[in-house]
Amino acid sequence: MKLQPILVGAVMVVFLASTGCGSSPGRPSKDSEVLPPNRVMDFKFLYSQNCAGCHGVSGKGGAAIALANPVFLAIADDAVIRRVAANGVPGTSMPAFAQSAGGMLTDKQIDALVSGIRSWASPEALIKVTPPPYSSQIPGDPQRGANAYRTYCSSCHGADGRGGTKASSIVDGSYLALVSDQELRTIVIAGRAELGAPDWRGDVAGRPMSPQEISDVVAWLSAHRPQFPGQPYPISSVDRDKGRLR
């Protein structure tokens, strides 16, 4: 009896069986596996799905501040970016994205967003320049802020903040109802280059704003925030009388 042909045949059967199962019709390949949403860690995908709608493609800015702004990334450290991304900012248009705060993203996905946003930083853009601190423990003064506003902001936003030839109103109640004092401070410091708004150094040539002046301007702006957002028009006496008749 010849055993060699039998052994060869057995080996071939095993080989064909193993390869046939791996390439059988309808069987998905390993690279076609669909990851569940909580396992997606690709920064570009996570950013496009959760952040780009407000902050713009590649962090270039949109309805909200540009996250790729080098000044913003110089003043907002990892902890700040993580906290805002995870917990949002209550009372504003910035939602919470972490599952622990009612969002859809895991802690690892939040970390992936933070790392990706941080990769846009450009340290060379602020060589030998120390920007004002992200936040301030010293409250601003609205009265001083009015003077600082006239010096640094009125040329664009108008004498009373209601808009000028170069920029729109920044005391509009609907706008102020959607932004926090911290966001106002961040915008004053980092500017919005995508909208033509300079950072804290460029409002007056050769005269950057001091940290205290920034706090004061924010206090002046905050004083214009309406107590009851969504009701920008005063009730007239006629409307009041009609209400009594109903």
Protein backbone atom coordinates (compact mmCIF):
# COMPACT_ATOMS: atom_id res chain seq x y z
CA MET A 1 0.00 0.00 0.00
CA LYS A 2 1.36 3.42 -0.99
CA LEU A 3 1.01 5.85 1.94
CA GLN A 4 2.63 8.92 0.30
CA PRO A 5 -0.25 9.72 -2.11
CA ILE A 6 -2.73 9.25 0.73
CA LEU A 7 -0.82 11.68 3.03
CA VAL A 8 -0.47 14.25 0.27
CA GLY A 9 -4.16 14.02 -0.47
CA ALA A 10 -5.06 14.49 3.18
CA VAL A 11 -2.85 17.57 3.44
CA MET A 12 -4.46 19.08 0.34
CA VAL A 13 -7.94 18.50 1.74
CA VAL A 14 -7.03 20.30 4.98
CA PHE A 15 -5.41 23.17 3.06
CA LEU A 16 -8.37 23.65 0.73
CA ALA A 17 -10.81 23.46 3.61
CA SER A 18 -8.97 26.14 5.58
CA THR A 19 -8.57 28.51 2.66
CA GLY A 20 -12.05 27.87 1.34
CA CYS A 21 -13.72 28.86 4.61
CA GLY A 22 -11.79 32.12 4.76
CA SER A 23 -12.82 33.20 1.29
CA SER A 24 -16.29 31.77 1.06
CA PRO A 25 -18.90 33.94 -0.65
CA GLY A 26 -20.57 36.46 1.65
CA ARG A 27 -17.99 36.17 4.43
CA PRO A 28 -16.73 39.69 5.41
CA SER A 29 -12.99 40.31 5.48
CA LYS A 30 -11.27 41.47 8.64
CA ASP A 31 -10.71 44.99 7.26
CA SER A 32 -14.43 45.39 6.57
CA GLU A 33 -15.43 44.99 10.22
CA VAL A 34 -17.77 47.75 11.37
CA LEU A 35 -16.73 49.19 14.73
CA PRO A 36 -19.42 50.04 17.26
CA PRO A 37 -19.65 53.81 17.85
CA ASN A 38 -17.96 53.67 21.26
CA ARG A 39 -14.82 52.07 19.77
CA VAL A 40 -14.18 54.68 17.06
CA MET A 41 -10.96 56.50 17.94
CA ASP A 42 -10.11 58.22 14.67
CA PHE A 43 -9.70 61.93 15.47
CA LYS A 44 -10.74 63.22 12.05
CA PHE A 45 -13.97 61.22 12.18
CA LEU A 46 -14.77 62.17 15.77
CA TYR A 47 -14.07 65.84 15.12
CA SER A 48 -16.11 65.96 11.91
CA GLN A 49 -19.09 64.31 13.59
CA ASN A 50 -19.06 66.26 16.84
CA CYS A 51 -17.14 69.54 16.49
CA ALA A 52 -16.85 70.74 12.90
CA GLY A 53 -20.44 71.95 12.71
CA CYS A 54 -19.62 74.82 15.09
CA HIS A 55 -15.83 75.12 15.09
CA GLY A 56 -15.31 74.62 11.36
CA VAL A 57 -13.46 72.09 9.24
CA SER A 58 -9.96 71.44 10.62
CA GLY A 59 -10.68 73.82 13.48
CA LYS A 60 -10.68 76.91 11.26
CA GLY A 61 -13.73 78.45 12.90
CA GLY A 62 -17.42 78.72 12.19
CA ALA A 63 -20.28 79.73 14.45
CA ALA A 64 -17.84 79.23 17.32
CA ILE A 65 -14.18 80.11 17.83
CA ALA A 66 -11.46 78.41 15.76
CA LEU A 67 -9.91 75.65 17.86
CA ALA A 68 -6.81 75.68 15.65
CA ASN A 69 -6.16 79.31 16.65
CA PRO A 70 -2.56 79.29 17.99
CA VAL A 71 -3.37 81.85 20.69
CA PHE A 72 -6.33 79.80 21.89
CA LEU A 73 -4.15 76.69 22.10
CA ALA A 74 -1.49 78.68 23.98
CA ILE A 75 -3.89 79.73 26.74
CA ALA A 76 -6.18 76.68 26.93
CA ASP A 77 -4.30 73.65 28.24
CA ASP A 78 -5.32 69.99 27.92
CA ALA A 79 -7.38 70.11 31.11
CA VAL A 80 -9.42 73.08 29.83
CA ILE A 81 -10.11 71.51 26.45
CA ARG A 82 -11.01 68.17 28.03
CA ARG A 83 -13.34 69.75 30.60
CA VAL A 84 -15.23 71.81 28.01
CA ALA A 85 -15.46 68.93 25.52
CA ALA A 86 -16.63 66.50 28.19
CA ASN A 87 -18.98 68.67 30.24
CA GLY A 88 -19.94 71.45 27.84
CA VAL A 89 -20.72 74.94 29.09
CA PRO A 90 -24.14 75.15 30.80
CA GLY A 91 -26.34 77.96 29.56
CA THR A 92 -24.55 78.28 26.24
CA SER A 93 -24.61 76.55 22.86
CA MET A 94 -21.69 74.28 23.86
CA PRO A 95 -23.11 70.80 24.71
CA ALA A 96 -21.56 68.06 26.81
CA PHE A 97 -20.11 65.17 24.79
CA ALA A 98 -18.93 62.76 27.51
CA GLN A 99 -21.20 59.85 28.42
CA SER A 100 -20.69 60.74 32.07
CA ALA A 101 -22.35 64.11 31.37
CA GLY A 102 -25.13 62.80 29.14
CA GLY A 103 -23.25 62.80 25.84
CA MET A 104 -22.32 60.00 23.47
CA LEU A 105 -18.51 59.80 23.72
CA THR A 106 -16.37 57.66 26.00
CA ASP A 107 -13.49 59.04 28.05
CA LYS A 108 -11.03 57.59 25.55
CA GLN A 109 -12.82 59.30 22.68
CA ILE A 110 -12.68 62.60 24.56
CA ASP A 111 -8.94 62.03 25.01
CA ALA A 112 -8.62 61.40 21.26
CA LEU A 113 -10.33 64.73 20.56
CA VAL A 114 -8.11 66.58 23.01
CA SER A 115 -4.96 65.05 21.54
CA GLY A 116 -6.04 65.83 17.99
CA ILE A 117 -6.97 69.44 18.77
CA ARG A 118 -3.68 69.89 20.61
CA SER A 119 -1.82 68.70 17.49
CA TRP A 120 -2.90 71.93 15.78
CA ALA A 121 -0.85 74.06 18.19
CA SER A 122 1.87 76.29 16.72
CA PRO A 123 4.25 77.25 19.53
CA GLU A 124 6.44 79.18 17.10
CA ALA A 125 3.57 81.63 16.53
CA LEU A 126 4.05 83.12 20.01
CA ILE A 127 7.82 83.09 20.42
CA LYS A 128 8.90 85.53 23.17
CA VAL A 129 5.25 86.47 23.75
CA THR A 130 3.33 85.65 26.91
CA PRO A 131 -0.41 85.81 26.33
CA PRO A 132 -2.82 86.83 29.10
CA PRO A 133 -4.07 83.97 31.30
CA TYR A 134 -7.03 81.91 30.10
CA SER A 135 -9.07 82.84 33.17
CA SER A 136 -8.77 85.47 35.87
CA GLN A 137 -9.43 85.27 39.58
CA ILE A 138 -9.83 89.04 39.78
CA PRO A 139 -13.26 90.29 38.67
CA GLY A 140 -13.44 93.04 36.11
CA ASP A 141 -15.02 96.43 36.58
CA PRO A 142 -17.76 97.43 34.09
CA GLN A 143 -17.05 101.16 34.45
CA ARG A 144 -13.38 100.72 33.66
CA GLY A 145 -14.47 98.29 30.97
CA ALA A 146 -16.45 101.03 29.22
CA ASN A 147 -13.25 103.06 28.89
CA ALA A 148 -11.26 100.04 27.73
CA TYR A 149 -13.98 99.23 25.20
CA ARG A 150 -13.79 102.73 23.71
CA THR A 151 -10.02 102.42 23.42
CA TYR A 152 -9.71 98.93 21.97
CA CYS A 153 -13.06 97.88 20.47
CA SER A 154 -15.21 100.81 19.40
CA SER A 155 -13.38 101.41 16.09
CA CYS A 156 -14.87 98.14 14.81
CA HIS A 157 -17.96 97.47 16.93
CA GLY A 158 -19.23 101.03 17.23
CA ALA A 159 -19.26 103.56 20.03
CA ASP A 160 -21.94 101.72 22.00
CA GLY A 161 -21.10 98.16 20.92
CA ARG A 162 -24.10 97.89 18.62
CA GLY A 163 -22.08 97.48 15.48
CA GLY A 164 -19.94 99.59 13.20
CA THR A 165 -18.64 99.65 9.67
CA LYS A 166 -16.24 96.76 10.29
CA ALA A 167 -18.01 94.45 12.75
CA SER A 168 -21.41 93.58 14.16
CA SER A 169 -22.99 94.22 17.54
CA ILE A 170 -21.41 92.52 20.55
CA VAL A 171 -24.04 93.70 23.04
CA ASP A 172 -26.92 92.00 21.27
CA GLY A 173 -28.97 90.18 23.88
CA SER A 174 -29.44 87.04 21.83
CA TYR A 175 -25.68 86.75 21.30
CA LEU A 176 -24.77 87.38 24.92
CA ALA A 177 -27.37 84.85 26.06
CA LEU A 178 -25.47 82.13 24.19
CA VAL A 179 -21.92 82.85 25.37
CA SER A 180 -20.32 82.68 28.79
CA ASP A 181 -18.04 85.30 30.30
CA GLN A 182 -15.15 82.89 29.81
CA GLU A 183 -15.93 82.58 26.10
CA LEU A 184 -16.02 86.37 25.81
CA ARG A 185 -12.63 86.53 27.51
CA THR A 186 -11.24 83.85 25.23
CA ILE A 187 -12.41 85.72 22.13
CA VAL A 188 -10.94 89.02 23.37
CA ILE A 189 -7.58 87.32 23.95
CA ALA A 190 -7.39 84.98 20.96
CA GLY A 191 -9.41 87.05 18.49
CA ARG A 192 -11.23 85.51 15.57
CA ALA A 193 -8.85 85.72 12.66
CA GLU A 194 -11.35 83.97 10.40
CA LEU A 195 -13.70 86.93 10.90
CA GLY A 196 -11.00 89.60 10.78
CA ALA A 197 -11.01 90.16 14.56
CA PRO A 198 -7.47 90.61 15.96
CA ASP A 199 -6.14 89.09 19.16
CA TRP A 200 -5.34 91.09 22.30
CA ARG A 201 -2.26 92.60 20.64
CA GLY A 202 -3.82 93.97 17.49
CA ASP A 203 -6.67 96.27 18.49
CA VAL A 204 -4.39 99.29 18.92
CA ALA A 205 -0.98 99.24 17.24
CA GLY A 206 1.82 98.89 19.76
CA ARG A 207 -0.56 98.74 22.71
CA PRO A 208 -1.68 95.21 23.68
CA MET A 209 -4.49 94.90 26.18
CA SER A 210 -3.48 94.17 29.76
CA PRO A 211 -5.04 91.23 31.63
CA GLN A 212 -7.00 93.69 33.77
CA GLU A 213 -8.31 95.58 30.74
CA ILE A 214 -9.49 92.29 29.27
CA SER A 215 -11.34 91.42 32.49
CA ASP A 216 -12.89 94.90 32.55
CA VAL A 217 -14.12 94.70 28.95
CA VAL A 218 -15.66 91.29 29.66
CA ALA A 219 -17.41 92.75 32.72
CA TRP A 220 -18.77 95.61 30.59
CA LEU A 221 -20.06 93.18 27.97
CA SER A 222 -21.54 90.88 30.61
CA ALA A 223 -23.47 93.82 32.07
CA HIS A 224 -25.42 93.98 28.79
CA ARG A 225 -26.60 90.37 29.05
CA PRO A 226 -30.41 90.30 29.37
CA GLN A 227 -31.95 88.86 32.51
CA PHE A 228 -34.59 87.06 30.47
CA PRO A 229 -33.13 86.00 27.09
CA GLY A 230 -35.59 85.72 24.24
CA GLN A 231 -37.57 88.83 25.19
CA PRO A 232 -35.67 91.63 23.46
CA TYR A 233 -38.65 93.98 23.08
CA PRO A 234 -40.23 95.93 25.96
CA ILE A 235 -43.94 95.47 26.55
CA SER A 236 -45.84 98.60 25.61
CA SER A 237 -48.67 100.03 27.72
CA VAL A 238 -51.15 99.06 24.97
CA ASP A 239 -50.00 95.43 25.05
CA ARG A 240 -50.16 95.48 28.84
CA ASP A 241 -53.75 96.75 28.78
CA LYS A 242 -54.71 94.09 26.23
CA GLY A 243 -53.31 91.46 28.54
CA ARG A 244 -55.52 92.66 31.36
CA LEU A 245 -58.63 92.36 29.17
CA ARG A 246 -58.01 88.70 28.34
